[in-house]
Amino acid sequence: GKVAQCVRDADIAWHSGNWKYNKHSIGIEHEGYASRAGAWSDAMYHASARLAAHLSKRHDIPVDRYHIVGHNRVPGSTHRCPGPHFDHVRYRRLIRHYRRR
Protein backbone atom coordinates (compact mmCIF):
# COMPACT_ATOMS: atom_id res chain seq x y z
CA GLY A 1 0.00 0.00 0.00
CA LYS A 2 2.99 2.35 -0.25
CA VAL A 3 3.68 4.64 -3.20
CA ALA A 4 7.13 5.75 -4.39
CA GLN A 5 8.19 7.82 -7.38
CA CYS A 6 11.00 6.28 -9.43
CA VAL A 7 11.05 8.58 -12.48
CA ARG A 8 10.84 12.37 -12.27
CA ASP A 9 7.76 13.98 -13.85
CA ALA A 10 9.97 15.80 -16.38
CA ASP A 11 11.46 12.52 -17.65
CA ILE A 12 10.02 9.80 -19.88
CA ALA A 13 10.00 6.29 -18.44
CA TRP A 14 10.41 3.15 -20.52
CA HIS A 15 7.44 1.42 -18.93
CA SER A 16 5.00 0.22 -21.55
CA GLY A 17 7.33 -1.36 -24.10
CA ASN A 18 6.18 1.13 -26.77
CA TRP A 19 8.06 4.44 -27.16
CA LYS A 20 5.05 6.32 -28.62
CA TYR A 21 2.93 5.30 -25.62
CA ASN A 22 5.75 6.07 -23.19
CA LYS A 23 6.00 9.64 -24.50
CA HIS A 24 2.28 10.27 -24.01
CA SER A 25 1.47 8.34 -20.86
CA ILE A 26 2.20 7.96 -17.18
CA GLY A 27 3.26 4.54 -15.99
CA ILE A 28 2.25 3.13 -12.63
CA GLU A 29 4.22 0.03 -11.75
CA HIS A 30 3.08 -2.42 -9.09
CA GLU A 31 5.24 -4.63 -6.94
CA GLY A 32 4.81 -8.37 -7.05
CA TYR A 33 3.97 -11.06 -9.57
CA ALA A 34 0.91 -10.34 -11.70
CA SER A 35 0.36 -14.02 -12.43
CA ARG A 36 -0.23 -14.83 -8.74
CA ALA A 37 -3.80 -14.76 -7.47
CA GLY A 38 -2.89 -13.02 -4.21
CA ALA A 39 -0.74 -10.30 -5.79
CA TRP A 40 -3.40 -7.58 -5.56
CA SER A 41 -4.06 -6.67 -1.93
CA ASP A 42 -6.72 -4.18 -0.84
CA ALA A 43 -3.95 -1.83 0.27
CA MET A 44 -2.35 -1.97 -3.18
CA TYR A 45 -5.64 -1.33 -5.00
CA HIS A 46 -6.43 1.66 -2.77
CA ALA A 47 -2.96 3.23 -2.82
CA SER A 48 -2.68 2.85 -6.58
CA ALA A 49 -6.21 4.17 -7.14
CA ARG A 50 -5.48 7.24 -5.00
CA LEU A 51 -2.39 7.94 -7.11
CA ALA A 52 -4.27 7.34 -10.37
CA ALA A 53 -7.09 9.64 -9.19
CA HIS A 54 -4.60 12.40 -8.41
CA LEU A 55 -2.92 12.02 -11.81
CA SER A 56 -6.27 11.79 -13.58
CA LYS A 57 -7.40 15.07 -12.01
CA ARG A 58 -4.08 16.82 -12.54
CA HIS A 59 -3.77 15.86 -16.21
CA ASP A 60 -7.49 15.68 -17.07
CA ILE A 61 -7.33 11.97 -17.92
CA PRO A 62 -10.73 10.30 -18.31
CA VAL A 63 -11.30 7.33 -16.02
CA ASP A 64 -12.33 4.72 -18.54
CA ARG A 65 -10.97 1.54 -20.10
CA TYR A 66 -9.56 3.47 -23.06
CA HIS A 67 -7.37 5.84 -21.05
CA ILE A 68 -6.40 3.74 -18.04
CA VAL A 69 -4.96 0.54 -19.45
CA GLY A 70 -2.65 -2.25 -18.43
CA HIS A 71 0.68 -2.72 -20.15
CA ASN A 72 -0.80 -5.84 -21.72
CA ARG A 73 -3.07 -3.59 -23.86
CA VAL A 74 -0.26 -1.45 -25.29
CA PRO A 75 0.49 -2.31 -28.94
CA GLY A 76 3.78 -4.14 -29.31
CA SER A 77 4.27 -4.60 -25.58
CA THR A 78 5.55 -7.94 -24.35
CA HIS A 79 4.40 -7.18 -20.79
CA ARG A 80 1.54 -9.28 -19.45
CA CYS A 81 0.76 -7.07 -16.49
CA PRO A 82 -1.38 -6.38 -14.67
CA GLY A 83 -2.21 -10.05 -15.21
CA PRO A 84 -5.34 -12.19 -15.14
CA HIS A 85 -6.21 -11.55 -11.48
CA PHE A 86 -6.35 -7.75 -11.66
CA ASP A 87 -9.90 -6.39 -11.27
CA HIS A 88 -10.02 -3.48 -13.74
CA VAL A 89 -13.65 -2.63 -12.94
CA ARG A 90 -12.91 -2.38 -9.22
CA TYR A 91 -9.79 -0.32 -9.90
CA ARG A 92 -11.62 2.24 -12.06
CA ARG A 93 -14.44 2.42 -9.50
CA LEU A 94 -11.88 3.21 -6.77
CA ILE A 95 -10.20 5.83 -8.96
CA ARG A 96 -13.56 7.55 -9.52
CA HIS A 97 -14.24 7.41 -5.78
CA TYR A 98 -10.91 9.03 -4.87
CA ARG A 99 -11.16 11.54 -7.71
CA ARG A 100 -14.39 12.94 -6.23
CA ARG A 101 -12.65 13.71 -2.93
PDB file of N, CA and C in Angstrom:
ATOM      1  N   GLY A   1       0.782  -1.195   0.000  1.00  0.00           N
ATOM      2  CA  GLY A   1       0.000   0.000   0.000  1.00  0.00           C
ATOM      3  C   GLY A   1       0.830   1.269   0.000  1.00  0.00           C
ATOM      4  N   LYS A   2       2.136   1.162  -0.222  1.00  0.00           N
ATOM      5  CA  LYS A   2       2.986   2.352  -0.248  1.00  0.00           C
ATOM      6  C   LYS A   2       3.258   2.772  -1.689  1.00  0.00           C
ATOM      7  N   VAL A   3       3.434   4.080  -1.880  1.00  0.00           N
ATOM      8  CA  VAL A   3       3.680   4.636  -3.200  1.00  0.00           C
ATOM      9  C   VAL A   3       5.043   5.321  -3.186  1.00  0.00           C
ATOM     10  N   ALA A   4       5.825   5.102  -4.240  1.00  0.00           N
ATOM     11  CA  ALA A   4       7.129   5.749  -4.387  1.00  0.00           C
ATOM     12  C   ALA A   4       7.297   6.192  -5.835  1.00  0.00           C
ATOM     13  N   GLN A   5       7.933   7.328  -6.030  1.00  0.00           N
ATOM     14  CA  GLN A   5       8.188   7.822  -7.378  1.00  0.00           C
ATOM     15  C   GLN A   5       9.585   7.404  -7.788  1.00  0.00           C
ATOM     16  N   CYS A   6       9.706   6.755  -8.948  1.00  0.00           N
ATOM     17  CA  CYS A   6      11.000   6.280  -9.428  1.00  0.00           C
ATOM     18  C   CYS A   6      11.537   7.113 -10.591  1.00  0.00           C
ATOM     19  N   VAL A   7      10.658   7.772 -11.330  1.00  0.00           N
ATOM     20  CA  VAL A   7      11.047   8.584 -12.477  1.00  0.00           C
ATOM     21  C   VAL A   7      10.466   9.983 -12.285  1.00  0.00           C
ATOM     22  N   ARG A   8      11.299  10.991 -12.432  1.00  0.00           N
ATOM     23  CA  ARG A   8      10.837  12.371 -12.271  1.00  0.00           C
ATOM     24  C   ARG A   8       9.759  12.694 -13.308  1.00  0.00           C
ATOM     25  N   ASP A   9       8.851  13.583 -12.946  1.00  0.00           N
ATOM     26  CA  ASP A   9       7.764  13.979 -13.848  1.00  0.00           C
ATOM     27  C   ASP A   9       8.289  14.516 -15.177  1.00  0.00           C
ATOM     28  N   ALA A  10       9.420  15.194 -15.169  1.00  0.00           N
ATOM     29  CA  ALA A  10       9.974  15.797 -16.383  1.00  0.00           C
ATOM     30  C   ALA A  10      10.622  14.772 -17.317  1.00  0.00           C
ATOM     31  N   ASP A  11      10.816  13.553 -16.845  1.00  0.00           N
ATOM     32  CA  ASP A  11      11.463  12.515 -17.647  1.00  0.00           C
ATOM     33  C   ASP A  11      10.440  11.562 -18.249  1.00  0.00           C
ATOM     34  N   ILE A  12      10.877  10.801 -19.241  1.00  0.00           N
ATOM     35  CA  ILE A  12      10.025   9.796 -19.878  1.00  0.00           C
ATOM     36  C   ILE A  12      10.526   8.417 -19.454  1.00  0.00           C
ATOM     37  N   ALA A  13       9.638   7.643 -18.879  1.00  0.00           N
ATOM     38  CA  ALA A  13      10.004   6.288 -18.442  1.00  0.00           C
ATOM     39  C   ALA A  13       9.805   5.296 -19.582  1.00  0.00           C
ATOM     40  N   TRP A  14      10.606   4.257 -19.588  1.00  0.00           N
ATOM     41  CA  TRP A  14      10.413   3.146 -20.521  1.00  0.00           C
ATOM     42  C   TRP A  14       9.606   2.104 -19.752  1.00  0.00           C
ATOM     43  N   HIS A  15       8.277   2.260 -19.773  1.00  0.00           N
ATOM     44  CA  HIS A  15       7.438   1.423 -18.929  1.00  0.00           C
ATOM     45  C   HIS A  15       6.484   0.543 -19.702  1.00  0.00           C
ATOM     46  N   SER A  16       6.052   0.970 -20.866  1.00  0.00           N
ATOM     47  CA  SER A  16       5.004   0.218 -21.553  1.00  0.00           C
ATOM     48  C   SER A  16       5.530  -0.709 -22.642  1.00  0.00           C
ATOM     49  N   GLY A  17       6.790  -0.555 -23.011  1.00  0.00           N
ATOM     50  CA  GLY A  17       7.331  -1.362 -24.096  1.00  0.00           C
ATOM     51  C   GLY A  17       7.034  -0.773 -25.469  1.00  0.00           C
ATOM     52  N   ASN A  18       6.526   0.463 -25.513  1.00  0.00           N
ATOM     53  CA  ASN A  18       6.177   1.129 -26.765  1.00  0.00           C
ATOM     54  C   ASN A  18       6.537   2.608 -26.605  1.00  0.00           C
ATOM     55  N   TRP A  19       7.550   3.087 -27.342  1.00  0.00           N
ATOM     56  CA  TRP A  19       8.057   4.439 -27.159  1.00  0.00           C
ATOM     57  C   TRP A  19       6.978   5.502 -27.364  1.00  0.00           C
ATOM     58  N   LYS A  20       6.118   5.342 -28.372  1.00  0.00           N
ATOM     59  CA  LYS A  20       5.051   6.324 -28.616  1.00  0.00           C
ATOM     60  C   LYS A  20       4.132   6.425 -27.393  1.00  0.00           C
ATOM     61  N   TYR A  21       3.761   5.302 -26.831  1.00  0.00           N
ATOM     62  CA  TYR A  21       2.925   5.302 -25.620  1.00  0.00           C
ATOM     63  C   TYR A  21       3.683   5.896 -24.435  1.00  0.00           C
ATOM     64  N   ASN A  22       4.954   5.544 -24.304  1.00  0.00           N
ATOM     65  CA  ASN A  22       5.749   6.069 -23.195  1.00  0.00           C
ATOM     66  C   ASN A  22       5.770   7.596 -23.207  1.00  0.00           C
ATOM     67  N   LYS A  23       5.899   8.183 -24.388  1.00  0.00           N
ATOM     68  CA  LYS A  23       6.001   9.641 -24.500  1.00  0.00           C
ATOM     69  C   LYS A  23       4.698  10.348 -24.141  1.00  0.00           C
ATOM     70  N   HIS A  24       3.585   9.645 -24.220  1.00  0.00           N
ATOM     71  CA  HIS A  24       2.279  10.274 -24.006  1.00  0.00           C
ATOM     72  C   HIS A  24       1.479   9.616 -22.889  1.00  0.00           C
ATOM     73  N   SER A  25       2.181   9.028 -21.935  1.00  0.00           N
ATOM     74  CA  SER A  25       1.468   8.340 -20.860  1.00  0.00           C
ATOM     75  C   SER A  25       2.246   8.444 -19.556  1.00  0.00           C
ATOM     76  N   ILE A  26       1.587   8.028 -18.504  1.00  0.00           N
ATOM     77  CA  ILE A  26       2.203   7.962 -17.181  1.00  0.00           C
ATOM     78  C   ILE A  26       2.121   6.508 -16.741  1.00  0.00           C
ATOM     79  N   GLY A  27       3.243   5.937 -16.398  1.00  0.00           N
ATOM     80  CA  GLY A  27       3.262   4.541 -15.990  1.00  0.00           C
ATOM     81  C   GLY A  27       3.184   4.387 -14.485  1.00  0.00           C
ATOM     82  N   ILE A  28       2.324   3.495 -14.047  1.00  0.00           N
ATOM     83  CA  ILE A  28       2.254   3.128 -12.635  1.00  0.00           C
ATOM     84  C   ILE A  28       2.636   1.659 -12.552  1.00  0.00           C
ATOM     85  N   GLU A  29       3.741   1.398 -11.911  1.00  0.00           N
ATOM     86  CA  GLU A  29       4.223   0.028 -11.754  1.00  0.00           C
ATOM     87  C   GLU A  29       3.788  -0.497 -10.396  1.00  0.00           C
ATOM     88  N   HIS A  30       3.489  -1.790 -10.340  1.00  0.00           N
ATOM     89  CA  HIS A  30       3.075  -2.416  -9.091  1.00  0.00           C
ATOM     90  C   HIS A  30       4.063  -3.507  -8.715  1.00  0.00           C
ATOM     91  N   GLU A  31       4.324  -3.622  -7.452  1.00  0.00           N
ATOM     92  CA  GLU A  31       5.237  -4.626  -6.937  1.00  0.00           C
ATOM     93  C   GLU A  31       4.561  -5.995  -6.930  1.00  0.00           C
ATOM     94  N   GLY A  32       5.343  -7.017  -7.168  1.00  0.00           N
ATOM     95  CA  GLY A  32       4.813  -8.369  -7.054  1.00  0.00           C
ATOM     96  C   GLY A  32       4.751  -9.085  -8.387  1.00  0.00           C
ATOM     97  N   TYR A  33       4.080 -10.212  -8.390  1.00  0.00           N
ATOM     98  CA  TYR A  33       3.971 -11.059  -9.568  1.00  0.00           C
ATOM     99  C   TYR A  33       2.517 -11.081 -10.040  1.00  0.00           C
ATOM    100  N   ALA A  34       2.275 -10.497 -11.184  1.00  0.00           N
ATOM    101  CA  ALA A  34       0.914 -10.344 -11.698  1.00  0.00           C
ATOM    102  C   ALA A  34       0.217 -11.675 -11.934  1.00  0.00           C
ATOM    103  N   SER A  35       0.971 -12.719 -12.150  1.00  0.00           N
ATOM    104  CA  SER A  35       0.356 -14.023 -12.426  1.00  0.00           C
ATOM    105  C   SER A  35      -0.149 -14.722 -11.168  1.00  0.00           C
ATOM    106  N   ARG A  36       0.207 -14.214  -9.998  1.00  0.00           N
ATOM    107  CA  ARG A  36      -0.226 -14.831  -8.737  1.00  0.00           C
ATOM    108  C   ARG A  36      -1.571 -14.280  -8.294  1.00  0.00           C
ATOM    109  N   ALA A  37      -2.444 -15.150  -7.868  1.00  0.00           N
ATOM    110  CA  ALA A  37      -3.799 -14.759  -7.469  1.00  0.00           C
ATOM    111  C   ALA A  37      -3.799 -13.773  -6.303  1.00  0.00           C
ATOM    112  N   GLY A  38      -2.895 -13.883  -5.384  1.00  0.00           N
ATOM    113  CA  GLY A  38      -2.892 -13.018  -4.206  1.00  0.00           C
ATOM    114  C   GLY A  38      -2.058 -11.755  -4.357  1.00  0.00           C
ATOM    115  N   ALA A  39      -1.640 -11.441  -5.574  1.00  0.00           N
ATOM    116  CA  ALA A  39      -0.743 -10.304  -5.793  1.00  0.00           C
ATOM    117  C   ALA A  39      -1.399  -8.964  -5.509  1.00  0.00           C
ATOM    118  N   TRP A  40      -2.705  -8.868  -5.655  1.00  0.00           N
ATOM    119  CA  TRP A  40      -3.395  -7.578  -5.560  1.00  0.00           C
ATOM    120  C   TRP A  40      -4.121  -7.449  -4.220  1.00  0.00           C
ATOM    121  N   SER A  41      -3.456  -6.859  -3.256  1.00  0.00           N
ATOM    122  CA  SER A  41      -4.059  -6.666  -1.933  1.00  0.00           C
ATOM    123  C   SER A  41      -4.984  -5.450  -1.958  1.00  0.00           C
ATOM    124  N   ASP A  42      -5.860  -5.360  -0.972  1.00  0.00           N
ATOM    125  CA  ASP A  42      -6.723  -4.183  -0.845  1.00  0.00           C
ATOM    126  C   ASP A  42      -5.879  -2.918  -0.710  1.00  0.00           C
ATOM    127  N   ALA A  43      -4.817  -2.998   0.080  1.00  0.00           N
ATOM    128  CA  ALA A  43      -3.952  -1.833   0.275  1.00  0.00           C
ATOM    129  C   ALA A  43      -3.342  -1.371  -1.041  1.00  0.00           C
ATOM    130  N   MET A  44      -2.947  -2.319  -1.887  1.00  0.00           N
ATOM    131  CA  MET A  44      -2.353  -1.969  -3.181  1.00  0.00           C
ATOM    132  C   MET A  44      -3.393  -1.329  -4.100  1.00  0.00           C
ATOM    133  N   TYR A  45      -4.579  -1.915  -4.174  1.00  0.00           N
ATOM    134  CA  TYR A  45      -5.642  -1.327  -4.999  1.00  0.00           C
ATOM    135  C   TYR A  45      -5.920   0.114  -4.570  1.00  0.00           C
ATOM    136  N   HIS A  46      -6.071   0.335  -3.265  1.00  0.00           N
ATOM    137  CA  HIS A  46      -6.430   1.657  -2.772  1.00  0.00           C
ATOM    138  C   HIS A  46      -5.301   2.668  -2.968  1.00  0.00           C
ATOM    139  N   ALA A  47      -4.083   2.301  -2.657  1.00  0.00           N
ATOM    140  CA  ALA A  47      -2.957   3.226  -2.817  1.00  0.00           C
ATOM    141  C   ALA A  47      -2.764   3.584  -4.288  1.00  0.00           C
ATOM    142  N   SER A  48      -2.836   2.597  -5.146  1.00  0.00           N
ATOM    143  CA  SER A  48      -2.678   2.852  -6.578  1.00  0.00           C
ATOM    144  C   SER A  48      -3.833   3.693  -7.118  1.00  0.00           C
ATOM    145  N   ALA A  49      -5.043   3.411  -6.688  1.00  0.00           N
ATOM    146  CA  ALA A  49      -6.213   4.168  -7.138  1.00  0.00           C
ATOM    147  C   ALA A  49      -6.140   5.622  -6.677  1.00  0.00           C
ATOM    148  N   ARG A  50      -5.650   5.859  -5.468  1.00  0.00           N
ATOM    149  CA  ARG A  50      -5.481   7.241  -4.996  1.00  0.00           C
ATOM    150  C   ARG A  50      -4.486   7.988  -5.882  1.00  0.00           C
ATOM    151  N   LEU A  51      -3.380   7.331  -6.224  1.00  0.00           N
ATOM    152  CA  LEU A  51      -2.390   7.945  -7.105  1.00  0.00           C
ATOM    153  C   LEU A  51      -2.988   8.189  -8.486  1.00  0.00           C
ATOM    154  N   ALA A  52      -3.659   7.195  -9.042  1.00  0.00           N
ATOM    155  CA  ALA A  52      -4.269   7.341 -10.371  1.00  0.00           C
ATOM    156  C   ALA A  52      -5.324   8.448 -10.373  1.00  0.00           C
ATOM    157  N   ALA A  53      -6.083   8.575  -9.290  1.00  0.00           N
ATOM    158  CA  ALA A  53      -7.089   9.637  -9.194  1.00  0.00           C
ATOM    159  C   ALA A  53      -6.415  11.005  -9.196  1.00  0.00           C
ATOM    160  N   HIS A  54      -5.343  11.138  -8.441  1.00  0.00           N
ATOM    161  CA  HIS A  54      -4.596  12.396  -8.406  1.00  0.00           C
ATOM    162  C   HIS A  54      -4.079  12.744  -9.806  1.00  0.00           C
ATOM    163  N   LEU A  55      -3.468  11.778 -10.480  1.00  0.00           N
ATOM    164  CA  LEU A  55      -2.922  12.018 -11.810  1.00  0.00           C
ATOM    165  C   LEU A  55      -4.029  12.290 -12.825  1.00  0.00           C
ATOM    166  N   SER A  56      -5.128  11.587 -12.687  1.00  0.00           N
ATOM    167  CA  SER A  56      -6.271  11.788 -13.579  1.00  0.00           C
ATOM    168  C   SER A  56      -6.812  13.212 -13.469  1.00  0.00           C
ATOM    169  N   LYS A  57      -6.939  13.691 -12.244  1.00  0.00           N
ATOM    170  CA  LYS A  57      -7.395  15.065 -12.013  1.00  0.00           C
ATOM    171  C   LYS A  57      -6.391  16.083 -12.541  1.00  0.00           C
ATOM    172  N   ARG A  58      -5.150  15.873 -12.178  1.00  0.00           N
ATOM    173  CA  ARG A  58      -4.079  16.824 -12.539  1.00  0.00           C
ATOM    174  C   ARG A  58      -3.903  16.966 -14.047  1.00  0.00           C
ATOM    175  N   HIS A  59      -4.025  15.857 -14.769  1.00  0.00           N
ATOM    176  CA  HIS A  59      -3.773  15.861 -16.211  1.00  0.00           C
ATOM    177  C   HIS A  59      -5.037  15.704 -17.043  1.00  0.00           C
ATOM    178  N   ASP A  60      -6.190  15.785 -16.402  1.00  0.00           N
ATOM    179  CA  ASP A  60      -7.493  15.680 -17.075  1.00  0.00           C
ATOM    180  C   ASP A  60      -7.586  14.393 -17.918  1.00  0.00           C
ATOM    181  N   ILE A  61      -7.268  13.287 -17.275  1.00  0.00           N
ATOM    182  CA  ILE A  61      -7.325  11.971 -17.924  1.00  0.00           C
ATOM    183  C   ILE A  61      -8.657  11.320 -17.580  1.00  0.00           C
ATOM    184  N   PRO A  62      -9.458  10.976 -18.589  1.00  0.00           N
ATOM    185  CA  PRO A  62     -10.730  10.299 -18.308  1.00  0.00           C
ATOM    186  C   PRO A  62     -10.502   8.953 -17.617  1.00  0.00           C
ATOM    187  N   VAL A  63     -11.393   8.614 -16.717  1.00  0.00           N
ATOM    188  CA  VAL A  63     -11.301   7.334 -16.024  1.00  0.00           C
ATOM    189  C   VAL A  63     -12.192   6.348 -16.763  1.00  0.00           C
ATOM    190  N   ASP A  64     -11.614   5.726 -17.760  1.00  0.00           N
ATOM    191  CA  ASP A  64     -12.325   4.717 -18.537  1.00  0.00           C
ATOM    192  C   ASP A  64     -11.321   3.686 -19.051  1.00  0.00           C
ATOM    193  N   ARG A  65     -11.840   2.648 -19.668  1.00  0.00           N
ATOM    194  CA  ARG A  65     -10.973   1.540 -20.100  1.00  0.00           C
ATOM    195  C   ARG A  65     -10.124   1.879 -21.318  1.00  0.00           C
ATOM    196  N   TYR A  66     -10.342   3.052 -21.905  1.00  0.00           N
ATOM    197  CA  TYR A  66      -9.556   3.474 -23.062  1.00  0.00           C
ATOM    198  C   TYR A  66      -8.365   4.344 -22.666  1.00  0.00           C
ATOM    199  N   HIS A  67      -8.431   4.953 -21.496  1.00  0.00           N
ATOM    200  CA  HIS A  67      -7.372   5.842 -21.055  1.00  0.00           C
ATOM    201  C   HIS A  67      -6.559   5.286 -19.885  1.00  0.00           C
ATOM    202  N   ILE A  68      -7.127   4.391 -19.137  1.00  0.00           N
ATOM    203  CA  ILE A  68      -6.404   3.738 -18.040  1.00  0.00           C
ATOM    204  C   ILE A  68      -6.317   2.265 -18.409  1.00  0.00           C
ATOM    205  N   VAL A  69      -5.139   1.880 -18.885  1.00  0.00           N
ATOM    206  CA  VAL A  69      -4.956   0.539 -19.451  1.00  0.00           C
ATOM    207  C   VAL A  69      -3.764  -0.157 -18.807  1.00  0.00           C
ATOM    208  N   GLY A  70      -3.785  -1.459 -18.875  1.00  0.00           N
ATOM    209  CA  GLY A  70      -2.646  -2.245 -18.434  1.00  0.00           C
ATOM    210  C   GLY A  70      -1.598  -2.295 -19.531  1.00  0.00           C
ATOM    211  N   HIS A  71      -0.377  -2.594 -19.157  1.00  0.00           N
ATOM    212  CA  HIS A  71       0.685  -2.719 -20.152  1.00  0.00           C
ATOM    213  C   HIS A  71       0.346  -3.781 -21.196  1.00  0.00           C
ATOM    214  N   ASN A  72      -0.442  -4.761 -20.795  1.00  0.00           N
ATOM    215  CA  ASN A  72      -0.800  -5.838 -21.718  1.00  0.00           C
ATOM    216  C   ASN A  72      -1.682  -5.349 -22.864  1.00  0.00           C
ATOM    217  N   ARG A  73      -2.227  -4.143 -22.791  1.00  0.00           N
ATOM    218  CA  ARG A  73      -3.072  -3.594 -23.860  1.00  0.00           C
ATOM    219  C   ARG A  73      -2.339  -2.583 -24.733  1.00  0.00           C
ATOM    220  N   VAL A  74      -1.054  -2.380 -24.491  1.00  0.00           N
ATOM    221  CA  VAL A  74      -0.261  -1.447 -25.288  1.00  0.00           C
ATOM    222  C   VAL A  74       0.260  -2.185 -26.516  1.00  0.00           C
ATOM    223  N   PRO A  75       0.018  -1.640 -27.717  1.00  0.00           N
ATOM    224  CA  PRO A  75       0.486  -2.306 -28.937  1.00  0.00           C
ATOM    225  C   PRO A  75       1.994  -2.553 -28.918  1.00  0.00           C
ATOM    226  N   GLY A  76       2.376  -3.775 -29.240  1.00  0.00           N
ATOM    227  CA  GLY A  76       3.780  -4.135 -29.311  1.00  0.00           C
ATOM    228  C   GLY A  76       4.422  -4.480 -27.978  1.00  0.00           C
ATOM    229  N   SER A  77       3.709  -4.316 -26.892  1.00  0.00           N
ATOM    230  CA  SER A  77       4.274  -4.601 -25.581  1.00  0.00           C
ATOM    231  C   SER A  77       4.349  -6.109 -25.349  1.00  0.00           C
ATOM    232  N   THR A  78       5.412  -6.521 -24.713  1.00  0.00           N
ATOM    233  CA  THR A  78       5.552  -7.937 -24.349  1.00  0.00           C
ATOM    234  C   THR A  78       5.169  -8.162 -22.890  1.00  0.00           C
ATOM    235  N   HIS A  79       4.793  -7.081 -22.203  1.00  0.00           N
ATOM    236  CA  HIS A  79       4.404  -7.183 -20.791  1.00  0.00           C
ATOM    237  C   HIS A  79       3.017  -7.813 -20.679  1.00  0.00           C
ATOM    238  N   ARG A  80       2.844  -8.639 -19.679  1.00  0.00           N
ATOM    239  CA  ARG A  80       1.540  -9.276 -19.455  1.00  0.00           C
ATOM    240  C   ARG A  80       0.795  -8.661 -18.278  1.00  0.00           C
ATOM    241  N   CYS A  81       1.390  -7.665 -17.662  1.00  0.00           N
ATOM    242  CA  CYS A  81       0.763  -7.065 -16.489  1.00  0.00           C
ATOM    243  C   CYS A  81      -0.399  -6.156 -16.906  1.00  0.00           C
ATOM    244  N   PRO A  82      -1.366  -6.008 -16.074  1.00  0.00           N
ATOM    245  CA  PRO A  82      -1.376  -6.382 -14.673  1.00  0.00           C
ATOM    246  C   PRO A  82      -1.782  -7.829 -14.407  1.00  0.00           C
ATOM    247  N   GLY A  83      -1.952  -8.630 -15.416  1.00  0.00           N
ATOM    248  CA  GLY A  83      -2.214 -10.049 -15.213  1.00  0.00           C
ATOM    249  C   GLY A  83      -3.687 -10.407 -15.106  1.00  0.00           C
ATOM    250  N   PRO A  84      -3.963 -11.706 -15.085  1.00  0.00           N
ATOM    251  CA  PRO A  84      -5.339 -12.187 -15.136  1.00  0.00           C
ATOM    252  C   PRO A  84      -6.149 -11.983 -13.852  1.00  0.00           C
ATOM    253  N   HIS A  85      -5.498 -11.680 -12.752  1.00  0.00           N
ATOM    254  CA  HIS A  85      -6.214 -11.554 -11.480  1.00  0.00           C
ATOM    255  C   HIS A  85      -6.534 -10.104 -11.107  1.00  0.00           C
ATOM    256  N   PHE A  86      -6.114  -9.162 -11.945  1.00  0.00           N
ATOM    257  CA  PHE A  86      -6.353  -7.748 -11.661  1.00  0.00           C
ATOM    258  C   PHE A  86      -7.795  -7.397 -12.012  1.00  0.00           C
ATOM    259  N   ASP A  87      -8.488  -6.760 -11.085  1.00  0.00           N
ATOM    260  CA  ASP A  87      -9.896  -6.386 -11.265  1.00  0.00           C
ATOM    261  C   ASP A  87      -9.966  -4.944 -11.779  1.00  0.00           C
ATOM    262  N   HIS A  88     -10.010  -4.801 -13.103  1.00  0.00           N
ATOM    263  CA  HIS A  88     -10.019  -3.481 -13.739  1.00  0.00           C
ATOM    264  C   HIS A  88     -11.262  -2.664 -13.365  1.00  0.00           C
ATOM    265  N   VAL A  89     -12.400  -3.322 -13.285  1.00  0.00           N
ATOM    266  CA  VAL A  89     -13.646  -2.629 -12.944  1.00  0.00           C
ATOM    267  C   VAL A  89     -13.551  -2.056 -11.538  1.00  0.00           C
ATOM    268  N   ARG A  90     -13.080  -2.853 -10.602  1.00  0.00           N
ATOM    269  CA  ARG A  90     -12.905  -2.378  -9.221  1.00  0.00           C
ATOM    270  C   ARG A  90     -11.920  -1.213  -9.176  1.00  0.00           C
ATOM    271  N   TYR A  91     -10.827  -1.343  -9.895  1.00  0.00           N
ATOM    272  CA  TYR A  91      -9.791  -0.319  -9.898  1.00  0.00           C
ATOM    273  C   TYR A  91     -10.336   1.021 -10.409  1.00  0.00           C
ATOM    274  N   ARG A  92     -11.043   1.001 -11.526  1.00  0.00           N
ATOM    275  CA  ARG A  92     -11.616   2.242 -12.062  1.00  0.00           C
ATOM    276  C   ARG A  92     -12.672   2.814 -11.119  1.00  0.00           C
ATOM    277  N   ARG A  93     -13.439   1.957 -10.481  1.00  0.00           N
ATOM    278  CA  ARG A  93     -14.437   2.417  -9.499  1.00  0.00           C
ATOM    279  C   ARG A  93     -13.742   3.130  -8.339  1.00  0.00           C
ATOM    280  N   LEU A  94     -12.643   2.572  -7.854  1.00  0.00           N
ATOM    281  CA  LEU A  94     -11.880   3.207  -6.775  1.00  0.00           C
ATOM    282  C   LEU A  94     -11.268   4.536  -7.236  1.00  0.00           C
ATOM    283  N   ILE A  95     -10.763   4.571  -8.449  1.00  0.00           N
ATOM    284  CA  ILE A  95     -10.202   5.828  -8.964  1.00  0.00           C
ATOM    285  C   ILE A  95     -11.276   6.911  -8.985  1.00  0.00           C
ATOM    286  N   ARG A  96     -12.457   6.573  -9.488  1.00  0.00           N
ATOM    287  CA  ARG A  96     -13.560   7.552  -9.523  1.00  0.00           C
ATOM    288  C   ARG A  96     -13.927   8.008  -8.105  1.00  0.00           C
ATOM    289  N   HIS A  97     -13.937   7.069  -7.179  1.00  0.00           N
ATOM    290  CA  HIS A  97     -14.235   7.410  -5.784  1.00  0.00           C
ATOM    291  C   HIS A  97     -13.231   8.422  -5.241  1.00  0.00           C
ATOM    292  N   TYR A  98     -11.936   8.141  -5.404  1.00  0.00           N
ATOM    293  CA  TYR A  98     -10.913   9.033  -4.873  1.00  0.00           C
ATOM    294  C   TYR A  98     -10.826  10.336  -5.666  1.00  0.00           C
ATOM    295  N   ARG A  99     -11.195  10.315  -6.903  1.00  0.00           N
ATOM    296  CA  ARG A  99     -11.164  11.536  -7.707  1.00  0.00           C
ATOM    297  C   ARG A  99     -12.207  12.545  -7.225  1.00  0.00           C
ATOM    298  N   ARG A 100     -13.325  12.060  -6.721  1.00  0.00           N
ATOM    299  CA  ARG A 100     -14.387  12.944  -6.227  1.00  0.00           C
ATOM    300  C   ARG A 100     -14.010  13.657  -4.935  1.00  0.00           C
ATOM    301  N   ARG A 101     -13.025  13.138  -4.229  1.00  0.00           N
ATOM    302  CA  ARG A 101     -12.649  13.711  -2.926  1.00  0.00           C
ATOM    303  C   ARG A 101     -11.921  15.022  -3.081  1.00  0.00           C
TER     304      ARG A 101
END
